[in-house]
């Protein structure tokens, strides 16, 4: 079979202007809850796209950790490629794709670091080995072998024991959205798309986009 012949026709649901909440954060929360209820595998997984000073985009999968009126929060190494690119360009895009529900959500906006207090609180909530791994890894930097990585982890484990402290190079970012788009798959690729754009007065303008 040719790759060009691979296709699925979507028919689970529709999306109208009357279906969606006036506030896109509330609408996202509704869809996110429905993804959890439908037991979508890792419904909290999202693609995070950043752009560096050279204008080249890069994407990777991360897990969303908080959603509220302020925006969408995730955690990472500040010295990683994504961290360096966010220092150069404060704007990023998120993409959630829930194939079981034939839905995706695109989110764009400015990214800012959350407070050290918030980062400390989340760091302490993580499993011990995840906390140790955050200390041991110089994310995105080359290393000779897996064995060298594991040796570094053992050294950190012996040095920090059961109470590792959040390293300064690791913490949270919050994407403050100015664009959110909800996409519902429909038959014959005639999909439903409802987009929200943040206005200067703080309100959201909602409109349908053609597929």
N, C-alpha and C. Protein backbone atom coordinates (compact mmCIF):
# COMPACT_ATOMS: atom_id res chain seq x y z
N UNK A 1 0.84 -1.20 0.00
CA UNK A 1 0.00 0.00 0.00
C UNK A 1 0.87 1.25 0.00
N UNK A 2 0.51 2.22 -0.81
CA UNK A 2 1.23 3.49 -0.84
C UNK A 2 0.93 4.30 0.42
N UNK A 3 1.92 5.02 0.92
CA UNK A 3 1.70 5.91 2.06
C UNK A 3 0.58 6.89 1.76
N UNK A 4 0.50 7.35 0.51
CA UNK A 4 -0.52 8.32 0.13
C UNK A 4 -1.93 7.75 0.26
N UNK A 5 -2.05 6.41 0.29
CA UNK A 5 -3.37 5.78 0.40
C UNK A 5 -3.82 5.57 1.84
N UNK A 6 -2.96 5.87 2.81
CA UNK A 6 -3.32 5.69 4.21
C UNK A 6 -4.21 6.85 4.66
N UNK A 7 -5.42 6.54 5.09
CA UNK A 7 -6.33 7.60 5.56
C UNK A 7 -7.43 6.99 6.41
N UNK A 8 -7.93 7.80 7.33
CA UNK A 8 -9.07 7.44 8.17
C UNK A 8 -10.12 8.53 8.01
N UNK A 9 -11.37 8.14 7.84
CA UNK A 9 -12.44 9.13 7.74
C UNK A 9 -13.02 9.36 9.13
N UNK A 10 -13.05 10.60 9.58
CA UNK A 10 -13.48 10.92 10.93
C UNK A 10 -14.99 11.16 10.99
N UNK A 11 -15.62 10.60 12.01
CA UNK A 11 -17.09 10.74 12.07
C UNK A 11 -17.66 10.68 13.48
N UNK A 12 -16.79 10.82 14.50
CA UNK A 12 -17.27 10.65 15.88
C UNK A 12 -18.14 11.79 16.37
N UNK A 13 -17.84 13.03 15.95
CA UNK A 13 -18.53 14.17 16.54
C UNK A 13 -18.46 15.37 15.60
N UNK A 14 -19.13 16.45 16.00
CA UNK A 14 -19.07 17.71 15.27
C UNK A 14 -18.77 18.82 16.28
N UNK A 15 -18.52 20.02 15.77
CA UNK A 15 -18.22 21.16 16.63
C UNK A 15 -18.83 22.40 16.01
N UNK A 16 -19.75 23.03 16.74
CA UNK A 16 -20.39 24.24 16.25
C UNK A 16 -20.07 25.41 17.19
N UNK A 17 -20.36 26.61 16.72
CA UNK A 17 -20.16 27.80 17.54
C UNK A 17 -21.01 27.74 18.81
N UNK A 18 -22.14 27.07 18.74
CA UNK A 18 -23.03 26.95 19.90
C UNK A 18 -22.50 25.93 20.90
N UNK A 19 -21.63 25.02 20.46
CA UNK A 19 -21.11 23.98 21.34
C UNK A 19 -20.04 24.49 22.30
N UNK A 20 -19.30 25.51 21.88
CA UNK A 20 -18.09 25.89 22.61
C UNK A 20 -18.36 26.99 23.63
N UNK A 21 -17.54 26.99 24.67
CA UNK A 21 -17.63 27.99 25.74
C UNK A 21 -17.04 29.31 25.25
N UNK A 22 -17.55 30.46 25.70
CA UNK A 22 -16.97 31.76 25.31
C UNK A 22 -15.51 31.91 25.72
N UNK A 23 -15.12 31.23 26.79
CA UNK A 23 -13.73 31.28 27.28
C UNK A 23 -13.00 30.03 26.78
N UNK A 24 -11.94 30.19 25.98
CA UNK A 24 -11.26 29.02 25.43
C UNK A 24 -10.55 28.17 26.49
N UNK A 25 -10.15 28.78 27.60
CA UNK A 25 -9.54 27.98 28.67
C UNK A 25 -10.58 27.02 29.26
N UNK A 26 -11.80 27.51 29.44
CA UNK A 26 -12.88 26.65 29.92
C UNK A 26 -13.21 25.57 28.89
N UNK A 27 -13.20 25.95 27.61
CA UNK A 27 -13.47 24.97 26.57
C UNK A 27 -12.37 23.90 26.55
N UNK A 28 -11.12 24.32 26.71
CA UNK A 28 -10.04 23.34 26.77
C UNK A 28 -10.23 22.40 27.95
N UNK A 29 -10.58 22.95 29.10
CA UNK A 29 -10.78 22.12 30.29
C UNK A 29 -11.88 21.09 30.06
N UNK A 30 -12.93 21.49 29.34
CA UNK A 30 -14.00 20.55 29.02
C UNK A 30 -13.49 19.42 28.14
N UNK A 31 -12.78 19.77 27.08
CA UNK A 31 -12.25 18.73 26.19
C UNK A 31 -11.21 17.87 26.88
N UNK A 32 -10.38 18.48 27.72
CA UNK A 32 -9.37 17.71 28.44
C UNK A 32 -10.04 16.70 29.37
N UNK A 33 -11.09 17.14 30.06
CA UNK A 33 -11.83 16.23 30.92
C UNK A 33 -12.45 15.08 30.14
N UNK A 34 -12.95 15.37 28.95
CA UNK A 34 -13.54 14.32 28.12
C UNK A 34 -12.46 13.35 27.63
N UNK A 35 -11.27 13.85 27.36
CA UNK A 35 -10.16 12.97 26.96
C UNK A 35 -9.78 12.04 28.11
N UNK A 36 -9.73 12.57 29.33
CA UNK A 36 -9.44 11.73 30.50
C UNK A 36 -10.53 10.68 30.68
N UNK A 37 -11.79 11.10 30.58
CA UNK A 37 -12.91 10.18 30.76
C UNK A 37 -12.91 9.09 29.70
N UNK A 38 -12.46 9.42 28.49
CA UNK A 38 -12.40 8.44 27.40
C UNK A 38 -11.16 7.56 27.49
N UNK A 39 -10.35 7.77 28.52
CA UNK A 39 -9.12 7.01 28.75
C UNK A 39 -8.15 7.13 27.57
N UNK A 40 -8.06 8.34 27.02
CA UNK A 40 -7.06 8.60 25.99
C UNK A 40 -5.68 8.39 26.62
N UNK A 41 -4.84 7.64 25.96
CA UNK A 41 -3.51 7.36 26.50
C UNK A 41 -2.69 8.64 26.56
N UNK A 42 -2.21 8.97 27.76
CA UNK A 42 -1.43 10.19 28.00
C UNK A 42 -2.11 11.41 27.37
N UNK A 43 -3.33 11.66 27.81
CA UNK A 43 -4.07 12.83 27.32
C UNK A 43 -3.35 14.13 27.64
N UNK A 44 -2.46 14.09 28.62
CA UNK A 44 -1.71 15.29 29.00
C UNK A 44 -0.44 15.50 28.17
N UNK A 45 -0.20 14.64 27.18
CA UNK A 45 0.97 14.80 26.32
C UNK A 45 0.70 15.84 25.25
N UNK A 46 1.70 16.66 24.97
CA UNK A 46 1.55 17.73 23.97
C UNK A 46 2.88 17.95 23.26
N UNK A 47 2.79 18.41 22.04
CA UNK A 47 3.98 18.85 21.32
C UNK A 47 4.25 20.31 21.68
N UNK A 48 5.50 20.60 22.02
CA UNK A 48 5.91 21.97 22.33
C UNK A 48 6.89 22.41 21.25
N UNK A 49 6.54 23.47 20.52
CA UNK A 49 7.39 23.97 19.44
C UNK A 49 7.98 25.32 19.81
N UNK A 50 9.27 25.44 19.63
CA UNK A 50 10.00 26.69 19.91
C UNK A 50 10.79 27.08 18.67
N UNK A 51 11.25 28.32 18.65
CA UNK A 51 12.04 28.82 17.53
C UNK A 51 13.23 29.60 18.09
N UNK A 52 14.43 29.23 17.63
CA UNK A 52 15.62 29.91 18.11
C UNK A 52 15.94 31.16 17.32
N UNK A 53 17.07 31.77 17.66
CA UNK A 53 17.49 33.00 16.99
C UNK A 53 17.77 32.79 15.51
N UNK A 54 18.07 31.54 15.12
CA UNK A 54 18.35 31.23 13.72
C UNK A 54 17.08 31.05 12.89
N UNK A 55 15.91 31.16 13.54
CA UNK A 55 14.64 31.05 12.83
C UNK A 55 14.19 29.64 12.55
N UNK A 56 14.92 28.63 13.04
CA UNK A 56 14.56 27.24 12.78
C UNK A 56 13.70 26.69 13.93
N UNK A 57 12.52 26.14 13.62
CA UNK A 57 11.66 25.58 14.67
C UNK A 57 12.13 24.21 15.12
N UNK A 58 11.78 23.86 16.35
CA UNK A 58 12.02 22.51 16.85
C UNK A 58 10.85 22.12 17.74
N UNK A 59 10.52 20.83 17.75
CA UNK A 59 9.37 20.33 18.50
C UNK A 59 9.76 19.10 19.30
N UNK A 60 9.04 18.90 20.40
CA UNK A 60 9.23 17.70 21.23
C UNK A 60 7.96 17.49 22.04
N UNK A 61 7.78 16.27 22.56
CA UNK A 61 6.61 15.95 23.37
C UNK A 61 6.93 16.16 24.84
N UNK A 62 6.07 16.92 25.53
CA UNK A 62 6.16 17.12 26.98
C UNK A 62 4.78 16.84 27.59
N UNK A 63 4.72 16.85 28.91
CA UNK A 63 3.46 16.65 29.61
C UNK A 63 3.01 17.97 30.24
N UNK A 64 1.76 18.35 30.02
CA UNK A 64 1.20 19.53 30.68
C UNK A 64 1.05 19.22 32.16
N UNK A 65 1.34 20.18 33.01
CA UNK A 65 1.26 19.93 34.45
C UNK A 65 0.26 20.82 35.18
N UNK A 66 -0.18 21.90 34.56
CA UNK A 66 -1.21 22.74 35.18
C UNK A 66 -1.89 23.56 34.10
N UNK A 67 -3.19 23.78 34.27
CA UNK A 67 -3.98 24.59 33.36
C UNK A 67 -4.88 25.47 34.22
N UNK A 68 -4.77 26.78 34.08
CA UNK A 68 -5.66 27.69 34.79
C UNK A 68 -5.82 28.96 33.98
N UNK A 69 -6.46 29.95 34.55
CA UNK A 69 -6.75 31.19 33.81
C UNK A 69 -5.47 31.90 33.36
N UNK A 70 -4.35 31.62 34.03
CA UNK A 70 -3.09 32.27 33.66
C UNK A 70 -2.46 31.63 32.43
N UNK A 71 -2.74 30.34 32.17
CA UNK A 71 -2.15 29.69 31.01
C UNK A 71 -1.84 28.23 31.25
N UNK A 72 -0.88 27.71 30.49
CA UNK A 72 -0.55 26.29 30.44
C UNK A 72 0.89 26.09 30.94
N UNK A 73 1.05 25.28 31.99
CA UNK A 73 2.35 25.16 32.65
C UNK A 73 3.00 23.81 32.38
N UNK A 74 4.30 23.86 32.07
CA UNK A 74 5.10 22.64 31.91
C UNK A 74 6.47 22.87 32.53
N UNK A 75 7.21 21.79 32.72
CA UNK A 75 8.50 21.86 33.41
C UNK A 75 9.59 21.24 32.55
N UNK A 76 10.81 21.78 32.70
CA UNK A 76 11.93 21.28 31.91
C UNK A 76 13.24 21.84 32.45
N UNK A 77 14.32 21.49 31.78
CA UNK A 77 15.64 22.02 32.09
C UNK A 77 15.79 23.37 31.38
N UNK A 78 16.08 24.41 32.13
CA UNK A 78 16.21 25.74 31.53
C UNK A 78 17.39 25.83 30.56
N UNK A 79 18.37 24.93 30.72
CA UNK A 79 19.56 24.95 29.86
C UNK A 79 19.43 24.02 28.66
N UNK A 80 18.27 23.40 28.48
CA UNK A 80 18.05 22.51 27.35
C UNK A 80 17.91 23.32 26.06
N UNK A 81 17.78 22.62 24.94
CA UNK A 81 17.59 23.34 23.68
C UNK A 81 16.33 24.20 23.73
N UNK A 82 15.23 23.64 24.24
CA UNK A 82 13.99 24.42 24.30
C UNK A 82 14.16 25.62 25.23
N UNK A 83 14.87 25.42 26.35
CA UNK A 83 15.10 26.52 27.28
C UNK A 83 15.91 27.63 26.65
N UNK A 84 16.96 27.25 25.93
CA UNK A 84 17.79 28.26 25.26
C UNK A 84 16.99 29.00 24.19
N UNK A 85 16.15 28.25 23.45
CA UNK A 85 15.37 28.90 22.41
C UNK A 85 14.33 29.84 23.00
N UNK A 86 13.77 29.48 24.15
CA UNK A 86 12.81 30.37 24.80
C UNK A 86 13.48 31.63 25.36
N UNK A 87 14.75 31.55 25.66
CA UNK A 87 15.48 32.75 26.06
C UNK A 87 15.65 33.69 24.86
N UNK A 88 15.78 33.11 23.67
CA UNK A 88 16.00 33.89 22.46
C UNK A 88 14.69 34.40 21.85
N UNK A 89 13.63 33.61 22.02
CA UNK A 89 12.33 33.93 21.43
C UNK A 89 11.26 33.48 22.41
N UNK A 90 10.55 34.39 23.01
CA UNK A 90 9.63 34.09 24.11
C UNK A 90 8.32 33.44 23.66
N UNK A 91 8.15 33.25 22.36
CA UNK A 91 6.88 32.70 21.87
C UNK A 91 7.03 31.22 21.52
N UNK A 92 5.94 30.46 21.76
CA UNK A 92 5.95 29.02 21.49
C UNK A 92 4.55 28.57 21.11
N UNK A 93 4.45 27.33 20.67
CA UNK A 93 3.16 26.73 20.31
C UNK A 93 3.05 25.36 20.94
N UNK A 94 1.84 25.03 21.40
CA UNK A 94 1.52 23.72 21.95
C UNK A 94 0.52 23.04 21.02
N UNK A 95 0.57 21.71 20.97
CA UNK A 95 -0.40 20.95 20.19
C UNK A 95 -0.78 19.70 20.96
N UNK A 96 -2.07 19.57 21.26
CA UNK A 96 -2.62 18.35 21.84
C UNK A 96 -3.34 17.59 20.73
N UNK A 97 -3.12 16.27 20.66
CA UNK A 97 -3.76 15.45 19.64
C UNK A 97 -4.35 14.22 20.31
N UNK A 98 -5.68 14.15 20.32
CA UNK A 98 -6.39 13.04 20.95
C UNK A 98 -7.08 12.24 19.85
N UNK A 99 -6.34 11.31 19.25
CA UNK A 99 -6.83 10.58 18.09
C UNK A 99 -8.08 9.78 18.43
N UNK A 100 -8.18 9.27 19.67
CA UNK A 100 -9.36 8.49 20.03
C UNK A 100 -10.65 9.30 19.93
N UNK A 101 -10.55 10.60 20.11
CA UNK A 101 -11.70 11.49 20.02
C UNK A 101 -11.72 12.28 18.71
N UNK A 102 -10.70 12.04 17.86
CA UNK A 102 -10.58 12.74 16.59
C UNK A 102 -10.54 14.25 16.80
N UNK A 103 -9.71 14.67 17.77
CA UNK A 103 -9.61 16.08 18.15
C UNK A 103 -8.17 16.52 18.27
N UNK A 104 -7.94 17.78 17.99
CA UNK A 104 -6.67 18.40 18.33
C UNK A 104 -6.92 19.83 18.78
N UNK A 105 -5.99 20.35 19.58
CA UNK A 105 -6.06 21.74 20.06
C UNK A 105 -4.70 22.38 19.83
N UNK A 106 -4.71 23.51 19.14
CA UNK A 106 -3.50 24.29 18.91
C UNK A 106 -3.51 25.51 19.81
N UNK A 107 -2.39 25.79 20.47
CA UNK A 107 -2.29 26.90 21.42
C UNK A 107 -1.01 27.66 21.13
N UNK A 108 -1.10 28.98 21.01
CA UNK A 108 0.08 29.81 20.75
C UNK A 108 0.11 30.96 21.74
N UNK A 109 1.32 31.41 22.08
CA UNK A 109 1.42 32.55 22.97
C UNK A 109 2.82 32.78 23.49
N UNK A 110 2.91 33.70 24.41
CA UNK A 110 4.18 34.08 25.03
C UNK A 110 4.46 33.15 26.22
N UNK A 111 5.73 32.82 26.40
CA UNK A 111 6.14 31.92 27.48
C UNK A 111 6.95 32.68 28.52
N UNK A 112 6.65 32.42 29.79
CA UNK A 112 7.37 33.05 30.89
C UNK A 112 7.71 31.99 31.93
N UNK A 113 8.76 32.23 32.69
CA UNK A 113 9.09 31.32 33.79
C UNK A 113 8.10 31.53 34.93
N UNK A 114 7.71 30.44 35.57
CA UNK A 114 6.87 30.56 36.75
C UNK A 114 7.77 30.89 37.94
N UNK A 115 7.20 31.15 39.11
CA UNK A 115 7.99 31.54 40.27
C UNK A 115 8.80 30.36 40.80
N UNK A 116 9.89 30.68 41.49
CA UNK A 116 10.72 29.64 42.11
C UNK A 116 9.91 28.84 43.12
N UNK A 117 8.99 29.50 43.81
CA UNK A 117 8.15 28.80 44.80
C UNK A 117 7.29 27.74 44.13
N UNK A 118 6.69 28.09 42.98
CA UNK A 118 5.88 27.11 42.25
C UNK A 118 6.73 25.96 41.74
N UNK A 119 7.92 26.27 41.22
CA UNK A 119 8.81 25.22 40.72
C UNK A 119 9.27 24.31 41.85
N UNK A 120 9.60 24.90 43.00
CA UNK A 120 10.02 24.09 44.16
C UNK A 120 8.91 23.13 44.57
N UNK A 121 7.69 23.62 44.63
CA UNK A 121 6.56 22.79 45.07
C UNK A 121 6.35 21.62 44.12
N UNK A 122 6.41 21.87 42.81
CA UNK A 122 6.20 20.76 41.88
C UNK A 122 7.38 19.78 41.93
N UNK A 123 8.59 20.32 42.02
CA UNK A 123 9.77 19.44 42.07
C UNK A 123 9.67 18.46 43.23
N UNK A 124 9.24 18.93 44.39
CA UNK A 124 9.15 18.06 45.56
C UNK A 124 8.02 17.04 45.43
N UNK A 125 7.06 17.28 44.53
CA UNK A 125 5.97 16.33 44.34
C UNK A 125 6.35 15.18 43.41
N UNK A 126 7.46 15.30 42.72
CA UNK A 126 7.87 14.28 41.74
C UNK A 126 8.43 13.04 42.44
N UNK A 127 8.38 11.88 41.78
CA UNK A 127 9.05 10.70 42.33
C UNK A 127 10.54 10.96 42.55
N UNK A 128 11.11 10.32 43.54
CA UNK A 128 12.51 10.57 43.91
C UNK A 128 13.45 10.41 42.73
N UNK A 129 13.33 9.33 41.98
CA UNK A 129 14.26 9.09 40.88
C UNK A 129 14.12 10.14 39.78
N UNK A 130 12.92 10.68 39.61
CA UNK A 130 12.74 11.75 38.63
C UNK A 130 13.45 13.02 39.08
N UNK A 131 13.40 13.29 40.40
CA UNK A 131 14.11 14.45 40.92
C UNK A 131 15.62 14.29 40.76
N UNK A 132 16.12 13.10 41.05
CA UNK A 132 17.55 12.84 40.90
C UNK A 132 17.97 12.93 39.44
N UNK A 133 17.11 12.43 38.55
CA UNK A 133 17.42 12.50 37.12
C UNK A 133 17.51 13.92 36.62
N UNK A 134 16.67 14.81 37.14
CA UNK A 134 16.71 16.21 36.73
C UNK A 134 18.02 16.87 37.14
N UNK A 135 18.57 16.43 38.26
CA UNK A 135 19.86 16.95 38.72
C UNK A 135 21.00 16.36 37.91
N UNK A 136 20.90 15.06 37.61
CA UNK A 136 21.99 14.36 36.95
C UNK A 136 22.14 14.71 35.48
N UNK A 137 21.05 15.06 34.82
CA UNK A 137 21.08 15.25 33.37
C UNK A 137 21.36 16.69 32.98
N UNK A 138 22.35 16.88 32.11
CA UNK A 138 22.56 18.16 31.43
C UNK A 138 21.81 18.05 30.11
N UNK A 139 20.53 18.26 30.16
CA UNK A 139 19.64 17.95 29.04
C UNK A 139 20.08 18.61 27.75
N UNK A 140 20.04 17.83 26.68
CA UNK A 140 20.38 18.23 25.31
C UNK A 140 21.88 18.28 25.05
N UNK A 141 22.71 18.07 26.08
CA UNK A 141 24.16 18.09 25.88
C UNK A 141 24.67 16.69 25.52
N UNK A 142 25.68 16.59 24.65
CA UNK A 142 26.21 15.28 24.26
C UNK A 142 26.85 14.56 25.45
N UNK A 143 26.83 13.23 25.39
CA UNK A 143 27.50 12.40 26.38
C UNK A 143 27.99 11.14 25.68
N UNK A 144 29.06 10.54 26.19
CA UNK A 144 29.73 9.45 25.48
C UNK A 144 28.90 8.18 25.39
N UNK A 145 28.14 7.86 26.45
CA UNK A 145 27.46 6.57 26.45
C UNK A 145 26.34 6.54 27.47
N UNK A 146 25.49 5.53 27.37
CA UNK A 146 24.46 5.29 28.38
C UNK A 146 25.10 5.00 29.73
N UNK A 147 26.21 4.28 29.69
CA UNK A 147 26.90 3.92 30.93
C UNK A 147 27.37 5.18 31.67
N UNK A 148 27.84 6.17 30.92
CA UNK A 148 28.28 7.42 31.54
C UNK A 148 27.11 8.14 32.18
N UNK A 149 25.94 8.10 31.53
CA UNK A 149 24.74 8.71 32.11
C UNK A 149 24.37 8.02 33.42
N UNK A 150 24.39 6.69 33.41
CA UNK A 150 23.99 5.95 34.60
C UNK A 150 24.99 6.14 35.73
N UNK A 151 26.26 6.27 35.39
CA UNK A 151 27.27 6.55 36.41
C UNK A 151 27.03 7.91 37.05
N UNK A 152 26.68 8.88 36.24
CA UNK A 152 26.37 10.22 36.76
C UNK A 152 25.16 10.16 37.68
N UNK A 153 24.14 9.39 37.29
CA UNK A 153 22.95 9.25 38.13
C UNK A 153 23.32 8.64 39.48
N UNK A 154 24.16 7.61 39.47
CA UNK A 154 24.57 6.96 40.73
C UNK A 154 25.32 7.94 41.62
N UNK A 155 26.16 8.76 41.03
CA UNK A 155 26.90 9.75 41.82
C UNK A 155 25.94 10.75 42.48
N UNK A 156 24.95 11.20 41.72
CA UNK A 156 23.97 12.14 42.27
C UNK A 156 23.14 11.47 43.35
N UNK A 157 22.75 10.23 43.14
CA UNK A 157 21.96 9.50 44.12
C UNK A 157 22.71 9.36 45.44
N UNK A 158 24.00 9.08 45.34
CA UNK A 158 24.81 8.95 46.56
C UNK A 158 25.03 10.28 47.24
N UNK A 159 25.12 11.34 46.46
CA UNK A 159 25.40 12.65 47.03
C UNK A 159 24.15 13.28 47.67
N UNK A 160 22.96 13.06 47.09
CA UNK A 160 21.75 13.74 47.54
C UNK A 160 20.83 12.89 48.39
N UNK A 161 20.94 11.58 48.29
CA UNK A 161 20.11 10.70 49.11
C UNK A 161 18.63 10.86 48.84
N UNK A 162 17.84 10.95 49.91
CA UNK A 162 16.38 10.98 49.82
C UNK A 162 15.79 12.38 49.71
N UNK A 163 16.62 13.42 49.85
CA UNK A 163 16.09 14.78 49.89
C UNK A 163 16.80 15.70 48.90
N UNK A 164 16.72 15.42 47.62
CA UNK A 164 17.35 16.33 46.65
C UNK A 164 16.62 17.66 46.57
N UNK A 165 17.37 18.72 46.39
CA UNK A 165 16.82 20.08 46.27
C UNK A 165 16.76 20.45 44.79
N UNK A 166 15.71 21.16 44.40
CA UNK A 166 15.57 21.55 42.99
C UNK A 166 16.80 22.32 42.53
N UNK A 167 17.42 21.87 41.42
CA UNK A 167 18.56 22.61 40.90
C UNK A 167 18.10 23.89 40.20
N UNK A 168 18.95 24.89 40.18
CA UNK A 168 18.59 26.19 39.59
C UNK A 168 18.30 26.08 38.10
N UNK A 169 18.85 25.04 37.45
CA UNK A 169 18.66 24.92 36.00
C UNK A 169 17.36 24.23 35.61
N UNK A 170 16.53 23.90 36.57
CA UNK A 170 15.30 23.14 36.28
C UNK A 170 14.10 23.85 36.90
N UNK A 171 13.02 23.96 36.11
CA UNK A 171 11.83 24.61 36.66
C UNK A 171 10.71 24.70 35.63
N UNK A 172 9.74 25.56 35.93
CA UNK A 172 8.54 25.61 35.12
C UNK A 172 8.46 26.81 34.21
N UNK A 173 7.70 26.61 33.11
CA UNK A 173 7.33 27.68 32.20
C UNK A 173 5.80 27.71 32.11
N UNK A 174 5.28 28.89 31.87
CA UNK A 174 3.84 29.03 31.61
C UNK A 174 3.65 29.70 30.25
N UNK A 175 2.91 29.04 29.36
CA UNK A 175 2.54 29.67 28.10
C UNK A 175 1.25 30.45 28.31
N UNK A 176 1.33 31.75 28.10
CA UNK A 176 0.17 32.65 28.24
C UNK A 176 -0.45 32.78 26.85
N UNK A 177 -1.61 32.17 26.60
CA UNK A 177 -2.11 32.07 25.23
C UNK A 177 -2.72 33.36 24.69
N UNK A 178 -2.53 33.56 23.40
CA UNK A 178 -3.26 34.61 22.69
C UNK A 178 -4.00 34.03 21.48
N UNK A 179 -3.83 32.72 21.25
CA UNK A 179 -4.53 32.03 20.16
C UNK A 179 -4.77 30.59 20.58
N UNK A 180 -6.02 30.14 20.50
CA UNK A 180 -6.37 28.75 20.80
C UNK A 180 -7.35 28.28 19.74
N UNK A 181 -7.05 27.14 19.13
CA UNK A 181 -7.91 26.60 18.07
C UNK A 181 -8.34 25.17 18.40
N UNK A 182 -9.62 24.92 18.28
CA UNK A 182 -10.19 23.59 18.52
C UNK A 182 -10.57 22.96 17.18
N UNK A 183 -10.09 21.75 16.96
CA UNK A 183 -10.28 21.04 15.69
C UNK A 183 -10.98 19.72 15.96
N UNK A 184 -12.09 19.52 15.29
CA UNK A 184 -12.83 18.26 15.39
C UNK A 184 -12.86 17.60 14.02
N UNK A 185 -12.35 16.38 13.93
CA UNK A 185 -12.35 15.67 12.65
C UNK A 185 -13.76 15.40 12.15
N UNK A 186 -13.96 15.57 10.86
CA UNK A 186 -15.25 15.32 10.22
C UNK A 186 -15.05 14.50 8.95
N UNK A 187 -16.13 13.90 8.42
CA UNK A 187 -15.99 13.09 7.21
C UNK A 187 -15.46 13.89 6.02
N UNK A 188 -14.75 13.17 5.15
CA UNK A 188 -14.26 13.73 3.88
C UNK A 188 -13.32 14.92 4.08
N UNK A 189 -12.63 14.95 5.22
CA UNK A 189 -11.67 16.01 5.53
C UNK A 189 -12.31 17.38 5.62
N UNK A 190 -13.64 17.43 5.80
CA UNK A 190 -14.34 18.71 5.91
C UNK A 190 -14.50 19.01 7.40
N UNK A 191 -13.37 19.24 8.06
CA UNK A 191 -13.30 19.32 9.51
C UNK A 191 -13.91 20.60 10.07
N UNK A 192 -14.23 20.55 11.37
CA UNK A 192 -14.68 21.73 12.11
C UNK A 192 -13.49 22.37 12.80
N UNK A 193 -13.34 23.69 12.65
CA UNK A 193 -12.27 24.43 13.31
C UNK A 193 -12.87 25.71 13.91
N UNK A 194 -12.74 25.85 15.22
CA UNK A 194 -13.18 27.06 15.91
C UNK A 194 -11.95 27.68 16.58
N UNK A 195 -11.64 28.93 16.21
CA UNK A 195 -10.45 29.60 16.72
C UNK A 195 -10.82 30.78 17.60
N UNK A 196 -10.01 31.01 18.63
CA UNK A 196 -10.15 32.15 19.54
C UNK A 196 -8.89 32.99 19.46
N UNK A 197 -9.05 34.30 19.31
CA UNK A 197 -7.91 35.23 19.32
C UNK A 197 -8.13 36.25 20.44
N UNK A 198 -7.09 36.46 21.23
CA UNK A 198 -7.16 37.41 22.34
C UNK A 198 -7.13 38.83 21.80
N UNK A 199 -8.07 39.65 22.26
CA UNK A 199 -8.16 41.05 21.83
C UNK A 199 -7.42 41.97 22.81
N UNK A 200 -7.20 43.21 22.38
CA UNK A 200 -6.45 44.17 23.19
C UNK A 200 -7.13 44.45 24.53
N UNK A 201 -8.46 44.31 24.57
CA UNK A 201 -9.18 44.59 25.81
C UNK A 201 -9.30 43.36 26.72
N UNK A 202 -8.63 42.28 26.34
CA UNK A 202 -8.62 41.08 27.19
C UNK A 202 -9.73 40.10 26.89
N UNK A 203 -10.62 40.41 25.97
CA UNK A 203 -11.69 39.48 25.58
C UNK A 203 -11.19 38.58 24.45
N UNK A 204 -11.94 37.51 24.22
CA UNK A 204 -11.59 36.57 23.16
C UNK A 204 -12.57 36.70 22.01
N UNK A 205 -12.05 36.82 20.80
CA UNK A 205 -12.87 36.81 19.60
C UNK A 205 -12.89 35.38 19.05
N UNK A 206 -14.08 34.88 18.75
CA UNK A 206 -14.25 33.50 18.32
C UNK A 206 -14.72 33.48 16.88
N UNK A 207 -14.15 32.60 16.04
CA UNK A 207 -14.60 32.50 14.66
C UNK A 207 -14.32 31.10 14.10
N UNK A 208 -15.14 30.73 13.13
CA UNK A 208 -14.93 29.46 12.44
C UNK A 208 -13.92 29.63 11.33
N UNK A 209 -13.04 28.62 11.19
CA UNK A 209 -12.08 28.60 10.10
C UNK A 209 -12.42 27.48 9.13
N UNK A 210 -12.14 27.69 7.86
CA UNK A 210 -12.34 26.64 6.88
C UNK A 210 -11.30 25.54 7.06
N UNK A 211 -11.68 24.29 6.77
CA UNK A 211 -10.74 23.18 6.95
C UNK A 211 -9.61 23.21 5.92
